Amino acid sequence: MYCGGGVNIQRRSRTDIAVAILKIANNGAKKTHIVYEVNLNFNIAQKYLEMLKEKELIRNENGLFITTDKGKVFQDIAKEIEL
């Protein structure tokens, strides 16, 4: 997608964003860290974090989001089938 001014914006898939969140949360990360590292706004990040928790790919412990074993398997599979 071209957005004028010489800036080329590449849209990320939902899977790309989910994998990026899980990667940052591998060793535990606060929501703010995830927001800045994945370049999301807080509302979008919250929706992804809720979805990842529902699917048991991430858990929240004392304010830290941590990728579960199931989340690590998901990361590996997503990496293998990257299109």
Protein backbone atom coordinates (compact mmCIF):
# COMPACT_ATOMS: atom_id res chain seq x y z
CA MET A 1 0.00 0.00 0.00
CA TYR A 2 1.42 3.37 -1.02
CA CYS A 3 0.66 6.33 1.20
CA GLY A 4 2.24 9.31 -0.63
CA GLY A 5 5.37 11.14 0.40
CA GLY A 6 7.58 8.19 -0.49
CA VAL A 7 6.26 6.11 2.41
CA ASN A 8 5.38 2.51 1.65
CA ILE A 9 3.12 1.03 4.31
CA GLN A 10 3.08 -2.76 4.58
CA ARG A 11 -0.04 -4.09 6.25
CA ARG A 12 0.59 -6.89 8.73
CA SER A 13 -1.63 -9.91 9.00
CA ARG A 14 -3.33 -10.83 12.26
CA THR A 15 -0.98 -13.80 12.48
CA ASP A 16 2.10 -11.58 12.04
CA ILE A 17 0.93 -9.33 14.87
CA ALA A 18 0.06 -12.27 17.14
CA VAL A 19 3.47 -13.88 16.52
CA ALA A 20 5.24 -10.57 17.23
CA ILE A 21 3.38 -10.25 20.56
CA LEU A 22 4.18 -13.84 21.52
CA LYS A 23 7.85 -13.35 20.65
CA ILE A 24 8.14 -10.30 22.91
CA ALA A 25 6.27 -12.10 25.69
CA ASN A 26 8.54 -15.18 25.56
CA ASN A 27 10.43 -13.96 28.63
CA GLY A 28 7.57 -11.91 30.06
CA ALA A 29 6.64 -8.37 29.05
CA LYS A 30 4.40 -5.60 30.33
CA LYS A 31 1.60 -4.35 28.11
CA THR A 32 3.41 -1.04 27.52
CA HIS A 33 6.50 -2.86 26.27
CA ILE A 34 4.38 -4.96 23.91
CA VAL A 35 2.58 -1.86 22.58
CA TYR A 36 5.84 -0.08 21.75
CA GLU A 37 7.77 -3.09 20.42
CA VAL A 38 4.95 -4.30 18.16
CA ASN A 39 3.96 -0.74 17.23
CA LEU A 40 0.27 -0.98 18.17
CA ASN A 41 -2.02 1.36 20.03
CA PHE A 42 -3.24 0.31 23.46
CA ASN A 43 -6.79 -0.54 22.32
CA ILE A 44 -5.64 -2.80 19.49
CA ALA A 45 -3.01 -4.41 21.73
CA GLN A 46 -5.68 -5.11 24.36
CA LYS A 47 -7.85 -6.89 21.78
CA TYR A 48 -4.95 -9.06 20.66
CA LEU A 49 -3.91 -9.86 24.24
CA GLU A 50 -7.49 -10.88 25.11
CA MET A 51 -7.70 -13.07 22.00
CA LEU A 52 -4.33 -14.69 22.75
CA LYS A 53 -5.39 -15.34 26.37
CA GLU A 54 -8.69 -16.90 25.24
CA LYS A 55 -6.75 -19.24 22.96
CA GLU A 56 -4.31 -20.00 25.82
CA LEU A 57 -1.32 -18.78 23.83
CA ILE A 58 -0.40 -16.19 26.46
CA ARG A 59 -1.02 -15.77 30.18
CA ASN A 60 -0.93 -12.79 32.51
CA GLU A 61 1.02 -13.13 35.76
CA ASN A 62 1.41 -10.14 38.06
CA GLY A 63 1.14 -7.65 35.19
CA LEU A 64 3.50 -9.57 32.91
CA PHE A 65 2.29 -11.27 29.76
CA ILE A 66 4.07 -14.59 29.24
CA THR A 67 3.91 -16.84 26.19
CA THR A 68 2.61 -20.32 27.10
CA ASP A 69 4.03 -23.58 25.75
CA LYS A 70 1.05 -23.69 23.38
CA GLY A 71 1.96 -20.16 22.25
CA LYS A 72 5.54 -21.24 21.55
CA VAL A 73 4.28 -24.13 19.41
CA PHE A 74 2.05 -21.66 17.53
CA GLN A 75 5.08 -19.41 16.91
CA ASP A 76 7.04 -22.34 15.48
CA ILE A 77 4.20 -23.41 13.20
CA ALA A 78 3.63 -19.83 11.98
CA LYS A 79 7.36 -19.51 11.22
CA GLU A 80 7.31 -22.75 9.22
CA ILE A 81 4.33 -21.83 7.06
CA GLU A 82 5.24 -18.17 6.59
CA LEU A 83 3.91 -17.16 3.19
